[in-house]
């Protein structure tokens, strides 16, 4: 019996943010204790066919934790013990932020989805940077999602991002520029070409490397193509596709579909995969696929569409801490079924 299946009804009786804090607290309590190696033995899948290399880094498997789960870099080592191949912490802003008023996270159980309008609540770049530098550092890559402080006007965005980068630089393996959060003021205009060039150019000049950008699924195709030109012109190392969406598919059944915020989970899986395919057909930089990853099949679809790796958050809410193990085991079966030697062979095979 899966222990999470037993605990899930109790957790789902709590408000979503309370349940998240409870799970996060339990994982934090395991940090640095004998529980961590026990988790490793239970959840890690070690197989060279899963090993992935992207933007100059080595990943033991292609399944990572998306930004938002560990906002303040408190549990990267425990998430590594749960079998994930990388962790992206944040979003981190230059200034500490309380986020939007509660309630600001909503479950849609029938749809296996979440809607959130958290508003980038985090402890700020100084605190997160100190925590990352102090360690311990897990044996998997850790990225930092860099976001814009809500108090910062758009014209000062490049300096704001640079401040955050410089505070977290010593403790991270890669950096992601988040210009696509739908739940915080000031982000909507950051994805136009001039803003992107100014922000990303400032970070390139500051030495941010590897540097990726996270795009919105709500961008029209011409805007995505503009962003890809900026990525190529500045020599960025990768793209994360994509963030949560403000759109609402007609298939949503739960009444919470009316809540304002970014939708994540199974209902956006096909849309996110299509965006990965669109990007992978137009650029050679690595793509990290996010959106609706909940099992091996959904991860495999993104890999075959051109994603070098995938990330998840909502899937863990619904499937529990075994999700990375289950996806990695399933990926090995799918690779065998289709005659691929390893994950790298499967990347883009569906294009």
C-alpha atoms as a PDB file:
ATOM      1  CA  UNK A   1       0.000   0.000   0.000  1.00  0.00           C
ATOM      2  CA  UNK A   2       1.296   3.446  -0.944  1.00  0.00           C
ATOM      3  CA  UNK A   3       1.488   5.481   2.323  1.00  0.00           C
ATOM      4  CA  UNK A   4       0.610   8.667   0.435  1.00  0.00           C
ATOM      5  CA  UNK A   5      -2.659   7.123  -0.702  1.00  0.00           C
ATOM      6  CA  UNK A   6      -3.577   6.653   2.954  1.00  0.00           C
ATOM      7  CA  UNK A   7      -2.545  10.180   3.927  1.00  0.00           C
ATOM      8  CA  UNK A   8      -4.022  11.933   0.898  1.00  0.00           C
ATOM      9  CA  UNK A   9      -7.639  12.203   2.137  1.00  0.00           C
ATOM     10  CA  UNK A  10      -6.419  13.863   5.336  1.00  0.00           C
ATOM     11  CA  UNK A  11      -4.118  16.222   3.453  1.00  0.00           C
ATOM     12  CA  UNK A  12      -6.884  17.115   1.011  1.00  0.00           C
ATOM     13  CA  UNK A  13      -9.147  17.969   3.936  1.00  0.00           C
ATOM     14  CA  UNK A  14      -6.734  20.821   4.708  1.00  0.00           C
ATOM     15  CA  UNK A  15      -6.498  24.048   2.726  1.00  0.00           C
ATOM     16  CA  UNK A  16      -3.992  23.483  -0.108  1.00  0.00           C
ATOM     17  CA  UNK A  17      -1.384  25.890   1.225  1.00  0.00           C
ATOM     18  CA  UNK A  18      -1.625  24.361   4.707  1.00  0.00           C
ATOM     19  CA  UNK A  19      -1.190  20.886   3.236  1.00  0.00           C
ATOM     20  CA  UNK A  20       1.847  22.065   1.287  1.00  0.00           C
ATOM     21  CA  UNK A  21       3.426  23.569   4.408  1.00  0.00           C
ATOM     22  CA  UNK A  22       2.750  20.313   6.276  1.00  0.00           C
ATOM     23  CA  UNK A  23       4.456  18.165   3.629  1.00  0.00           C
ATOM     24  CA  UNK A  24       7.288  20.659   3.262  1.00  0.00           C
ATOM     25  CA  UNK A  25       7.771  20.668   7.037  1.00  0.00           C
ATOM     26  CA  UNK A  26       7.903  16.872   7.198  1.00  0.00           C
ATOM     27  CA  UNK A  27      10.499  16.793   4.443  1.00  0.00           C
ATOM     28  CA  UNK A  28      12.508  19.513   6.176  1.00  0.00           C
ATOM     29  CA  UNK A  29      12.445  17.456   9.379  1.00  0.00           C
ATOM     30  CA  UNK A  30      14.143  14.606   7.485  1.00  0.00           C
ATOM     31  CA  UNK A  31      16.979  16.848   6.296  1.00  0.00           C
ATOM     32  CA  UNK A  32      20.363  15.711   7.579  1.00  0.00           C
ATOM     33  CA  UNK A  33      18.925  12.756   9.501  1.00  0.00           C
ATOM     34  CA  UNK A  34      19.193   8.980   8.892  1.00  0.00           C
ATOM     35  CA  UNK A  35      15.836   9.270   7.124  1.00  0.00           C
ATOM     36  CA  UNK A  36      17.495  10.778   4.046  1.00  0.00           C
ATOM     37  CA  UNK A  37      19.488   7.655   3.087  1.00  0.00           C
ATOM     38  CA  UNK A  38      16.365   5.564   3.730  1.00  0.00           C
ATOM     39  CA  UNK A  39      14.467   7.738   1.260  1.00  0.00           C
ATOM     40  CA  UNK A  40      17.289   7.338  -1.256  1.00  0.00           C
ATOM     41  CA  UNK A  41      17.090   3.568  -1.079  1.00  0.00           C
ATOM     42  CA  UNK A  42      13.317   3.659  -1.508  1.00  0.00           C
ATOM     43  CA  UNK A  43      12.924   6.279  -4.215  1.00  0.00           C
ATOM     44  CA  UNK A  44      16.092   6.648  -6.287  1.00  0.00           C
ATOM     45  CA  UNK A  45      16.304   4.890  -9.640  1.00  0.00           C
ATOM     46  CA  UNK A  46      19.922   4.623 -10.715  1.00  0.00           C
ATOM     47  CA  UNK A  47      20.364   3.612 -14.322  1.00  0.00           C
ATOM     48  CA  UNK A  48      22.805   5.088 -16.862  1.00  0.00           C
ATOM     49  CA  UNK A  49      20.068   5.094 -19.514  1.00  0.00           C
ATOM     50  CA  UNK A  50      18.354   7.898 -17.579  1.00  0.00           C
ATOM     51  CA  UNK A  51      21.449  10.101 -17.342  1.00  0.00           C
ATOM     52  CA  UNK A  52      21.030  13.429 -19.091  1.00  0.00           C
ATOM     53  CA  UNK A  53      23.494  16.168 -20.000  1.00  0.00           C
ATOM     54  CA  UNK A  54      22.212  19.647 -20.722  1.00  0.00           C
ATOM     55  CA  UNK A  55      23.654  23.183 -20.645  1.00  0.00           C
ATOM     56  CA  UNK A  56      26.982  21.819 -19.452  1.00  0.00           C
ATOM     57  CA  UNK A  57      25.586  19.953 -16.445  1.00  0.00           C
ATOM     58  CA  UNK A  58      25.092  16.258 -15.694  1.00  0.00           C
ATOM     59  CA  UNK A  59      21.713  15.077 -14.407  1.00  0.00           C
ATOM     60  CA  UNK A  60      21.215  11.524 -13.070  1.00  0.00           C
ATOM     61  CA  UNK A  61      17.721  11.419 -14.570  1.00  0.00           C
ATOM     62  CA  UNK A  62      15.446  13.786 -16.502  1.00  0.00           C
ATOM     63  CA  UNK A  63      12.792  14.358 -13.807  1.00  0.00           C
ATOM     64  CA  UNK A  64      13.095  17.565 -11.793  1.00  0.00           C
ATOM     65  CA  UNK A  65      11.158  19.653  -9.290  1.00  0.00           C
ATOM     66  CA  UNK A  66       9.713  22.838 -10.743  1.00  0.00           C
ATOM     67  CA  UNK A  67      10.073  26.239  -9.137  1.00  0.00           C
ATOM     68  CA  UNK A  68       7.439  26.963  -6.514  1.00  0.00           C
ATOM     69  CA  UNK A  69       7.719  23.796  -4.459  1.00  0.00           C
ATOM     70  CA  UNK A  70      10.847  24.784  -2.516  1.00  0.00           C
ATOM     71  CA  UNK A  71      10.679  28.559  -2.744  1.00  0.00           C
ATOM     72  CA  UNK A  72      13.374  29.300  -0.181  1.00  0.00           C
ATOM     73  CA  UNK A  73      15.879  26.510  -0.896  1.00  0.00           C
ATOM     74  CA  UNK A  74      15.175  24.663   2.344  1.00  0.00           C
ATOM     75  CA  UNK A  75      15.018  21.038   1.172  1.00  0.00           C
ATOM     76  CA  UNK A  76      17.057  20.398  -2.011  1.00  0.00           C
ATOM     77  CA  UNK A  77      18.899  17.466  -0.395  1.00  0.00           C
ATOM     78  CA  UNK A  78      15.647  15.783   0.627  1.00  0.00           C
ATOM     79  CA  UNK A  79      14.172  16.225  -2.856  1.00  0.00           C
ATOM     80  CA  UNK A  80      17.338  14.638  -4.205  1.00  0.00           C
ATOM     81  CA  UNK A  81      16.774  11.722  -1.826  1.00  0.00           C
ATOM     82  CA  UNK A  82      13.259  11.358  -3.270  1.00  0.00           C
ATOM     83  CA  UNK A  83      14.897  10.544  -6.583  1.00  0.00           C
ATOM     84  CA  UNK A  84      14.631  13.783  -8.518  1.00  0.00           C
ATOM     85  CA  UNK A  85      17.369  14.582 -11.017  1.00  0.00           C
ATOM     86  CA  UNK A  86      17.423  18.315 -10.309  1.00  0.00           C
ATOM     87  CA  UNK A  87      15.667  20.937  -8.207  1.00  0.00           C
ATOM     88  CA  UNK A  88      14.745  24.467  -9.194  1.00  0.00           C
ATOM     89  CA  UNK A  89      14.209  26.689  -6.153  1.00  0.00           C
ATOM     90  CA  UNK A  90      12.341  29.985  -6.036  1.00  0.00           C
ATOM     91  CA  UNK A  91      11.032  32.118  -7.571  1.00  0.00           C
ATOM     92  CA  UNK A  92      13.386  34.363  -5.675  1.00  0.00           C
ATOM     93  CA  UNK A  93      13.049  38.149  -5.700  1.00  0.00           C
ATOM     94  CA  UNK A  94      15.502  40.832  -4.641  1.00  0.00           C
ATOM     95  CA  UNK A  95      13.224  41.882  -1.794  1.00  0.00           C
ATOM     96  CA  UNK A  96      11.339  39.534   0.569  1.00  0.00           C
ATOM     97  CA  UNK A  97       7.675  39.287  -0.430  1.00  0.00           C
ATOM     98  CA  UNK A  98       4.595  38.068   1.482  1.00  0.00           C
ATOM     99  CA  UNK A  99       2.726  37.263  -1.716  1.00  0.00           C
ATOM    100  CA  UNK A 100      -0.961  37.770  -2.376  1.00  0.00           C
ATOM    101  CA  UNK A 101      -3.710  37.569   0.267  1.00  0.00           C
ATOM    102  CA  UNK A 102      -5.002  34.107   1.195  1.00  0.00           C
ATOM    103  CA  UNK A 103      -6.629  31.942   0.000  1.00  0.00           C
ATOM    104  CA  UNK A 104      -4.335  31.892  -3.005  1.00  0.00           C
ATOM    105  CA  UNK A 105      -4.101  28.207  -3.956  1.00  0.00           C
ATOM    106  CA  UNK A 106      -7.025  26.035  -5.047  1.00  0.00           C
ATOM    107  CA  UNK A 107      -7.373  22.344  -5.858  1.00  0.00           C
ATOM    108  CA  UNK A 108      -9.412  21.004  -8.738  1.00  0.00           C
ATOM    109  CA  UNK A 109      -9.382  17.301  -7.768  1.00  0.00           C
ATOM    110  CA  UNK A 110     -11.636  16.062 -10.540  1.00  0.00           C
ATOM    111  CA  UNK A 111      -9.257  17.673 -13.011  1.00  0.00           C
ATOM    112  CA  UNK A 112      -6.019  16.792 -11.158  1.00  0.00           C
ATOM    113  CA  UNK A 113      -5.127  20.468 -11.352  1.00  0.00           C
ATOM    114  CA  UNK A 114      -4.250  23.470  -9.218  1.00  0.00           C
ATOM    115  CA  UNK A 115      -4.907  27.159  -9.587  1.00  0.00           C
ATOM    116  CA  UNK A 116      -2.559  29.453  -7.714  1.00  0.00           C
ATOM    117  CA  UNK A 117      -2.117  33.171  -7.317  1.00  0.00           C
ATOM    118  CA  UNK A 118       0.642  32.956  -4.718  1.00  0.00           C
ATOM    119  CA  UNK A 119       2.350  36.158  -5.861  1.00  0.00           C
ATOM    120  CA  UNK A 120       5.960  34.985  -5.496  1.00  0.00           C
ATOM    121  CA  UNK A 121       6.035  34.820  -1.715  1.00  0.00           C
ATOM    122  CA  UNK A 122       9.640  34.196  -0.649  1.00  0.00           C
ATOM    123  CA  UNK A 123      12.278  35.265   1.855  1.00  0.00           C
ATOM    124  CA  UNK A 124      14.250  37.323  -0.647  1.00  0.00           C
ATOM    125  CA  UNK A 125      17.596  36.974  -2.400  1.00  0.00           C
ATOM    126  CA  UNK A 126      19.811  37.667   0.609  1.00  0.00           C
ATOM    127  CA  UNK A 127      18.270  34.912   2.748  1.00  0.00           C
ATOM    128  CA  UNK A 128      18.027  32.352  -0.055  1.00  0.00           C
ATOM    129  CA  UNK A 129      21.546  33.100  -1.242  1.00  0.00           C
ATOM    130  CA  UNK A 130      22.981  32.628   2.241  1.00  0.00           C
ATOM    131  CA  UNK A 131      21.117  29.338   2.659  1.00  0.00           C
ATOM    132  CA  UNK A 132      22.325  28.004  -0.685  1.00  0.00           C
ATOM    133  CA  UNK A 133      25.922  28.999  -0.015  1.00  0.00           C
ATOM    134  CA  UNK A 134      25.893  27.449   3.455  1.00  0.00           C
ATOM    135  CA  UNK A 135      24.673  24.115   2.091  1.00  0.00           C
ATOM    136  CA  UNK A 136      24.654  21.231   2.227  1.00  0.00           C
ATOM    137  CA  UNK A 137      24.437  20.958  -1.542  1.00  0.00           C
ATOM    138  CA  UNK A 138      22.748  17.857  -2.952  1.00  0.00           C
ATOM    139  CA  UNK A 139      24.456  15.601  -5.479  1.00  0.00           C
ATOM    140  CA  UNK A 140      22.137  16.855  -8.217  1.00  0.00           C
ATOM    141  CA  UNK A 141      22.066  20.246  -9.970  1.00  0.00           C
ATOM    142  CA  UNK A 142      20.197  23.042  -8.201  1.00  0.00           C
ATOM    143  CA  UNK A 143      18.820  25.930 -10.202  1.00  0.00           C
ATOM    144  CA  UNK A 144      17.452  29.242  -9.008  1.00  0.00           C
ATOM    145  CA  UNK A 145      14.385  30.832 -10.544  1.00  0.00           C
ATOM    146  CA  UNK A 146      15.026  34.593 -10.634  1.00  0.00           C
ATOM    147  CA  UNK A 147      11.903  36.760 -10.497  1.00  0.00           C
ATOM    148  CA  UNK A 148      11.080  40.454 -10.400  1.00  0.00           C
ATOM    149  CA  UNK A 149      10.307  42.159  -7.094  1.00  0.00           C
ATOM    150  CA  UNK A 150       6.758  43.479  -7.133  1.00  0.00           C
ATOM    151  CA  UNK A 151       7.853  46.919  -5.935  1.00  0.00           C
ATOM    152  CA  UNK A 152      10.294  47.322  -8.820  1.00  0.00           C
ATOM    153  CA  UNK A 153       9.136  49.304 -11.875  1.00  0.00           C
ATOM    154  CA  UNK A 154       9.687  47.694 -15.262  1.00  0.00           C
ATOM    155  CA  UNK A 155      12.452  50.133 -16.234  1.00  0.00           C
ATOM    156  CA  UNK A 156      14.500  48.982 -13.224  1.00  0.00           C
ATOM    157  CA  UNK A 157      13.917  45.279 -13.866  1.00  0.00           C
ATOM    158  CA  UNK A 158      17.412  44.508 -15.245  1.00  0.00           C
ATOM    159  CA  UNK A 159      19.108  45.836 -12.084  1.00  0.00           C
ATOM    160  CA  UNK A 160      16.600  44.007  -9.873  1.00  0.00           C
ATOM    161  CA  UNK A 161      17.279  40.671 -11.571  1.00  0.00           C
ATOM    162  CA  UNK A 162      21.013  41.289 -11.418  1.00  0.00           C
ATOM    163  CA  UNK A 163      20.858  41.935  -7.668  1.00  0.00           C
ATOM    164  CA  UNK A 164      19.054  38.638  -7.118  1.00  0.00           C
ATOM    165  CA  UNK A 165      21.473  36.743  -9.339  1.00  0.00           C
ATOM    166  CA  UNK A 166      24.518  38.132  -7.540  1.00  0.00           C
ATOM    167  CA  UNK A 167      23.118  37.109  -4.148  1.00  0.00           C
ATOM    168  CA  UNK A 168      22.402  33.501  -5.160  1.00  0.00           C
ATOM    169  CA  UNK A 169      25.247  32.936  -7.629  1.00  0.00           C
ATOM    170  CA  UNK A 170      27.613  31.103  -5.295  1.00  0.00           C
ATOM    171  CA  UNK A 171      25.150  28.377  -4.335  1.00  0.00           C
ATOM    172  CA  UNK A 172      23.449  27.512  -7.623  1.00  0.00           C
ATOM    173  CA  UNK A 173      24.319  25.425 -10.659  1.00  0.00           C
ATOM    174  CA  UNK A 174      22.081  27.201 -13.171  1.00  0.00           C
ATOM    175  CA  UNK A 175      19.810  30.243 -13.336  1.00  0.00           C
ATOM    176  CA  UNK A 176      16.340  30.732 -14.790  1.00  0.00           C
ATOM    177  CA  UNK A 177      14.918  34.137 -15.652  1.00  0.00           C
ATOM    178  CA  UNK A 178      11.229  34.076 -14.819  1.00  0.00           C
ATOM    179  CA  UNK A 179       9.459  36.677 -16.946  1.00  0.00           C
ATOM    180  CA  UNK A 180       6.190  34.760 -17.124  1.00  0.00           C
ATOM    181  CA  UNK A 181       4.578  34.584 -13.675  1.00  0.00           C
ATOM    182  CA  UNK A 182       0.840  35.332 -14.162  1.00  0.00           C
ATOM    183  CA  UNK A 183       0.257  36.111 -10.484  1.00  0.00           C
ATOM    184  CA  UNK A 184       2.481  39.087  -9.757  1.00  0.00           C
ATOM    185  CA  UNK A 185       2.279  42.683 -10.914  1.00  0.00           C
ATOM    186  CA  UNK A 186       4.648  43.845 -13.607  1.00  0.00           C
ATOM    187  CA  UNK A 187       5.371  40.548 -15.345  1.00  0.00           C
ATOM    188  CA  UNK A 188       3.085  40.841 -18.330  1.00  0.00           C
ATOM    189  CA  UNK A 189       5.290  43.326 -20.163  1.00  0.00           C
ATOM    190  CA  UNK A 190       8.611  41.619 -19.436  1.00  0.00           C
ATOM    191  CA  UNK A 191       8.325  39.178 -22.329  1.00  0.00           C
ATOM    192  CA  UNK A 192       8.366  41.794 -25.068  1.00  0.00           C
ATOM    193  CA  UNK A 193      11.585  41.809 -27.035  1.00  0.00           C
ATOM    194  CA  UNK A 194      13.087  45.035 -25.668  1.00  0.00           C
ATOM    195  CA  UNK A 195      12.506  44.031 -22.044  1.00  0.00           C
ATOM    196  CA  UNK A 196      13.855  40.532 -22.605  1.00  0.00           C
ATOM    197  CA  UNK A 197      16.989  41.844 -24.259  1.00  0.00           C
ATOM    198  CA  UNK A 198      17.639  44.306 -21.440  1.00  0.00           C
ATOM    199  CA  UNK A 199      17.081  41.781 -18.624  1.00  0.00           C
ATOM    200  CA  UNK A 200      18.872  38.852 -20.200  1.00  0.00           C
ATOM    201  CA  UNK A 201      21.701  41.005 -21.538  1.00  0.00           C
ATOM    202  CA  UNK A 202      22.337  42.406 -18.059  1.00  0.00           C
ATOM    203  CA  UNK A 203      22.538  38.896 -16.599  1.00  0.00           C
ATOM    204  CA  UNK A 204      24.840  37.683 -19.360  1.00  0.00           C
ATOM    205  CA  UNK A 205      27.119  40.638 -18.641  1.00  0.00           C
ATOM    206  CA  UNK A 206      26.989  39.753 -14.921  1.00  0.00           C
ATOM    207  CA  UNK A 207      28.282  36.271 -15.690  1.00  0.00           C
ATOM    208  CA  UNK A 208      25.112  34.231 -15.163  1.00  0.00           C
ATOM    209  CA  UNK A 209      25.922  30.820 -16.612  1.00  0.00           C
ATOM    210  CA  UNK A 210      24.187  28.561 -17.477  1.00  0.00           C
ATOM    211  CA  UNK A 211      21.291  30.950 -18.083  1.00  0.00           C
ATOM    212  CA  UNK A 212      17.789  29.895 -19.130  1.00  0.00           C
ATOM    213  CA  UNK A 213      14.516  31.771 -19.631  1.00  0.00           C
ATOM    214  CA  UNK A 214      11.049  30.557 -18.594  1.00  0.00           C
ATOM    215  CA  UNK A 215       8.285  31.459 -21.021  1.00  0.00           C
ATOM    216  CA  UNK A 216       4.515  31.687 -20.675  1.00  0.00           C
ATOM    217  CA  UNK A 217       2.174  29.269 -22.480  1.00  0.00           C
ATOM    218  CA  UNK A 218      -0.095  32.266 -23.119  1.00  0.00           C
ATOM    219  CA  UNK A 219       2.363  33.958 -25.494  1.00  0.00           C
ATOM    220  CA  UNK A 220       1.206  34.133 -29.116  1.00  0.00           C
ATOM    221  CA  UNK A 221       3.454  32.316 -31.585  1.00  0.00           C
ATOM    222  CA  UNK A 222       5.121  35.495 -32.957  1.00  0.00           C
ATOM    223  CA  UNK A 223       6.095  36.540 -29.417  1.00  0.00           C
ATOM    224  CA  UNK A 224       7.591  33.096 -28.756  1.00  0.00           C
ATOM    225  CA  UNK A 225       9.579  33.404 -31.977  1.00  0.00           C
ATOM    226  CA  UNK A 226      10.831  36.842 -30.881  1.00  0.00           C
ATOM    227  CA  UNK A 227      11.922  35.349 -27.548  1.00  0.00           C
ATOM    228  CA  UNK A 228      13.751  32.539 -29.330  1.00  0.00           C
ATOM    229  CA  UNK A 229      15.638  35.071 -31.445  1.00  0.00           C
ATOM    230  CA  UNK A 230      16.746  36.846 -28.260  1.00  0.00           C
ATOM    231  CA  UNK A 231      17.841  33.517 -26.777  1.00  0.00           C
ATOM    232  CA  UNK A 232      19.926  32.772 -29.867  1.00  0.00           C
ATOM    233  CA  UNK A 233      21.321  36.314 -30.186  1.00  0.00           C
ATOM    234  CA  UNK A 234      22.504  36.372 -26.560  1.00  0.00           C
ATOM    235  CA  UNK A 235      23.712  32.773 -26.536  1.00  0.00           C
ATOM    236  CA  UNK A 236      21.464  31.615 -23.708  1.00  0.00           C
ATOM    237  CA  UNK A 237      21.763  28.016 -22.589  1.00  0.00           C
ATOM    238  CA  UNK A 238      18.163  26.815 -22.470  1.00  0.00           C
ATOM    239  CA  UNK A 239      14.431  27.451 -22.313  1.00  0.00           C
ATOM    240  CA  UNK A 240      11.848  26.305 -19.802  1.00  0.00           C
ATOM    241  CA  UNK A 241       8.450  25.743 -21.365  1.00  0.00           C
ATOM    242  CA  UNK A 242       6.288  26.623 -19.741  1.00  0.00           C
ATOM    243  CA  UNK A 243       4.736  28.444 -16.770  1.00  0.00           C
ATOM    244  CA  UNK A 244       1.162  28.175 -15.542  1.00  0.00           C
ATOM    245  CA  UNK A 245      -1.620  29.496 -17.770  1.00  0.00           C
ATOM    246  CA  UNK A 246      -4.421  31.990 -17.286  1.00  0.00           C
ATOM    247  CA  UNK A 247      -6.541  30.147 -19.856  1.00  0.00           C
ATOM    248  CA  UNK A 248      -9.308  27.785 -18.719  1.00  0.00           C
ATOM    249  CA  UNK A 249     -10.009  24.726 -20.874  1.00  0.00           C
ATOM    250  CA  UNK A 250     -13.676  23.886 -21.350  1.00  0.00           C
ATOM    251  CA  UNK A 251     -13.007  20.446 -19.877  1.00  0.00           C
ATOM    252  CA  UNK A 252     -12.506  21.762 -16.325  1.00  0.00           C
ATOM    253  CA  UNK A 253     -15.187  20.419 -13.988  1.00  0.00           C
ATOM    254  CA  UNK A 254     -14.379  21.718 -10.520  1.00  0.00           C
ATOM    255  CA  UNK A 255     -16.061  24.992  -9.439  1.00  0.00           C
ATOM    256  CA  UNK A 256     -12.636  26.391  -8.508  1.00  0.00           C
ATOM    257  CA  UNK A 257     -12.048  26.824 -12.247  1.00  0.00           C
ATOM    258  CA  UNK A 258     -13.493  30.314 -11.750  1.00  0.00           C
ATOM    259  CA  UNK A 259     -10.667  31.351  -9.414  1.00  0.00           C
ATOM    260  CA  UNK A 260      -8.132  33.843 -10.707  1.00  0.00           C
ATOM    261  CA  UNK A 261      -4.550  32.661 -11.107  1.00  0.00           C
ATOM    262  CA  UNK A 262      -2.310  30.263 -12.993  1.00  0.00           C
ATOM    263  CA  UNK A 263      -3.649  26.823 -13.890  1.00  0.00           C
ATOM    264  CA  UNK A 264      -1.325  23.822 -13.659  1.00  0.00           C
ATOM    265  CA  UNK A 265      -1.679  20.059 -13.848  1.00  0.00           C
ATOM    266  CA  UNK A 266      -3.189  17.556 -16.245  1.00  0.00           C
ATOM    267  CA  UNK A 267      -5.498  19.969 -18.126  1.00  0.00           C
ATOM    268  CA  UNK A 268      -2.514  21.858 -19.563  1.00  0.00           C
ATOM    269  CA  UNK A 269      -0.434  18.822 -20.495  1.00  0.00           C
ATOM    270  CA  UNK A 270      -1.226  18.805 -24.211  1.00  0.00           C
ATOM    271  CA  UNK A 271      -0.865  22.579 -24.552  1.00  0.00           C
ATOM    272  CA  UNK A 272       2.500  22.549 -22.779  1.00  0.00           C
ATOM    273  CA  UNK A 273       3.742  19.672 -24.928  1.00  0.00           C
ATOM    274  CA  UNK A 274       2.696  21.487 -28.085  1.00  0.00           C
ATOM    275  CA  UNK A 275       4.650  24.542 -26.959  1.00  0.00           C
ATOM    276  CA  UNK A 276       7.741  22.377 -26.392  1.00  0.00           C
ATOM    277  CA  UNK A 277       7.384  21.000 -29.903  1.00  0.00           C
ATOM    278  CA  UNK A 278       6.974  24.503 -31.351  1.00  0.00           C
ATOM    279  CA  UNK A 279      10.140  25.688 -29.584  1.00  0.00           C
ATOM    280  CA  UNK A 280      12.224  22.577 -30.287  1.00  0.00           C
ATOM    281  CA  UNK A 281      11.503  22.888 -34.003  1.00  0.00           C
ATOM    282  CA  UNK A 282      12.895  26.436 -33.996  1.00  0.00           C
ATOM    283  CA  UNK A 283      15.966  26.340 -31.781  1.00  0.00           C
ATOM    284  CA  UNK A 284      18.855  24.049 -30.904  1.00  0.00           C
ATOM    285  CA  UNK A 285      19.135  25.035 -27.231  1.00  0.00           C
ATOM    286  CA  UNK A 286      17.923  22.514 -24.643  1.00  0.00           C
ATOM    287  CA  UNK A 287      14.274  22.706 -23.610  1.00  0.00           C
ATOM    288  CA  UNK A 288      12.994  21.783 -20.153  1.00  0.00           C
ATOM    289  CA  UNK A 289       9.356  20.706 -20.330  1.00  0.00           C
ATOM    290  CA  UNK A 290       6.871  21.677 -17.635  1.00  0.00           C
ATOM    291  CA  UNK A 291       3.101  21.353 -17.487  1.00  0.00           C
ATOM    292  CA  UNK A 292       0.935  18.370 -16.660  1.00  0.00           C
ATOM    293  CA  UNK A 293       3.710  15.856 -15.972  1.00  0.00           C
ATOM    294  CA  UNK A 294       2.114  13.225 -13.737  1.00  0.00           C
ATOM    295  CA  UNK A 295       3.369   9.852 -14.997  1.00  0.00           C
ATOM    296  CA  UNK A 296       5.923   8.266 -17.300  1.00  0.00           C
ATOM    297  CA  UNK A 297       3.735   8.616 -20.383  1.00  0.00           C
ATOM    298  CA  UNK A 298       3.246  12.374 -19.971  1.00  0.00           C
ATOM    299  CA  UNK A 299       6.968  12.855 -19.322  1.00  0.00           C
ATOM    300  CA  UNK A 300       7.816  10.717 -22.360  1.00  0.00           C
ATOM    301  CA  UNK A 301       5.525  12.749 -24.608  1.00  0.00           C
ATOM    302  CA  UNK A 302       7.436  15.893 -23.672  1.00  0.00           C
ATOM    303  CA  UNK A 303      10.790  14.200 -24.225  1.00  0.00           C
ATOM    304  CA  UNK A 304       9.734  12.943 -27.655  1.00  0.00           C
ATOM    305  CA  UNK A 305       8.469  16.460 -28.432  1.00  0.00           C
ATOM    306  CA  UNK A 306      11.963  17.831 -27.806  1.00  0.00           C
ATOM    307  CA  UNK A 307      12.404  18.271 -24.040  1.00  0.00           C
ATOM    308  CA  UNK A 308      15.774  17.210 -22.655  1.00  0.00           C
ATOM    309  CA  UNK A 309      14.229  17.078 -19.200  1.00  0.00           C
ATOM    310  CA  UNK A 310      10.912  17.641 -17.457  1.00  0.00           C
ATOM    311  CA  UNK A 311       9.818  19.312 -14.245  1.00  0.00           C
ATOM    312  CA  UNK A 312       6.735  18.872 -12.091  1.00  0.00           C
ATOM    313  CA  UNK A 313       4.961  20.250  -9.039  1.00  0.00           C
ATOM    314  CA  UNK A 314       1.213  19.608  -9.306  1.00  0.00           C
ATOM    315  CA  UNK A 315       1.850  15.965 -10.150  1.00  0.00           C
ATOM    316  CA  UNK A 316       3.496  15.505  -6.768  1.00  0.00           C
ATOM    317  CA  UNK A 317       0.422  16.938  -5.031  1.00  0.00           C
ATOM    318  CA  UNK A 318      -1.765  14.276  -6.602  1.00  0.00           C
ATOM    319  CA  UNK A 319       0.659  11.337  -6.838  1.00  0.00           C
ATOM    320  CA  UNK A 320       2.867  11.835  -3.788  1.00  0.00           C
ATOM    321  CA  UNK A 321       6.609  11.499  -3.124  1.00  0.00           C
ATOM    322  CA  UNK A 322       7.054   8.344  -5.189  1.00  0.00           C
ATOM    323  CA  UNK A 323       6.343  10.191  -8.437  1.00  0.00           C
ATOM    324  CA  UNK A 324       9.962  10.570  -9.576  1.00  0.00           C
ATOM    325  CA  UNK A 325      10.690   6.896  -8.945  1.00  0.00           C
ATOM    326  CA  UNK A 326       7.538   5.845 -10.764  1.00  0.00           C
ATOM    327  CA  UNK A 327       8.229   8.094 -13.756  1.00  0.00           C
ATOM    328  CA  UNK A 328      11.852   6.991 -14.059  1.00  0.00           C
ATOM    329  CA  UNK A 329      10.934   3.309 -13.887  1.00  0.00           C
ATOM    330  CA  UNK A 330       8.235   3.880 -16.463  1.00  0.00           C
ATOM    331  CA  UNK A 331      10.609   5.776 -18.736  1.00  0.00           C
ATOM    332  CA  UNK A 332      12.983   2.807 -18.748  1.00  0.00           C
ATOM    333  CA  UNK A 333      10.115   0.563 -19.857  1.00  0.00           C
ATOM    334  CA  UNK A 334       9.123   3.020 -22.596  1.00  0.00           C
ATOM    335  CA  UNK A 335      12.703   3.313 -23.846  1.00  0.00           C
ATOM    336  CA  UNK A 336      12.921  -0.486 -24.034  1.00  0.00           C
ATOM    337  CA  UNK A 337       9.564  -0.697 -25.818  1.00  0.00           C
ATOM    338  CA  UNK A 338      10.606   1.774 -28.485  1.00  0.00           C
ATOM    339  CA  UNK A 339      14.177   0.565 -28.904  1.00  0.00           C
ATOM    340  CA  UNK A 340      16.005   3.639 -27.571  1.00  0.00           C
ATOM    341  CA  UNK A 341      19.371   3.133 -25.889  1.00  0.00           C
ATOM    342  CA  UNK A 342      18.832   6.020 -23.464  1.00  0.00           C
ATOM    343  CA  UNK A 343      16.804   9.161 -22.822  1.00  0.00           C
ATOM    344  CA  UNK A 344      19.012  11.257 -25.094  1.00  0.00           C
ATOM    345  CA  UNK A 345      18.091   8.987 -28.019  1.00  0.00           C
ATOM    346  CA  UNK A 346      14.403   9.653 -27.409  1.00  0.00           C
ATOM    347  CA  UNK A 347      14.668  13.463 -27.220  1.00  0.00           C
ATOM    348  CA  UNK A 348      12.888  14.977 -30.191  1.00  0.00           C
ATOM    349  CA  UNK A 349      12.120  11.593 -31.751  1.00  0.00           C
ATOM    350  CA  UNK A 350       8.504  12.652 -32.207  1.00  0.00           C
ATOM    351  CA  UNK A 351       9.286  15.780 -34.216  1.00  0.00           C
END
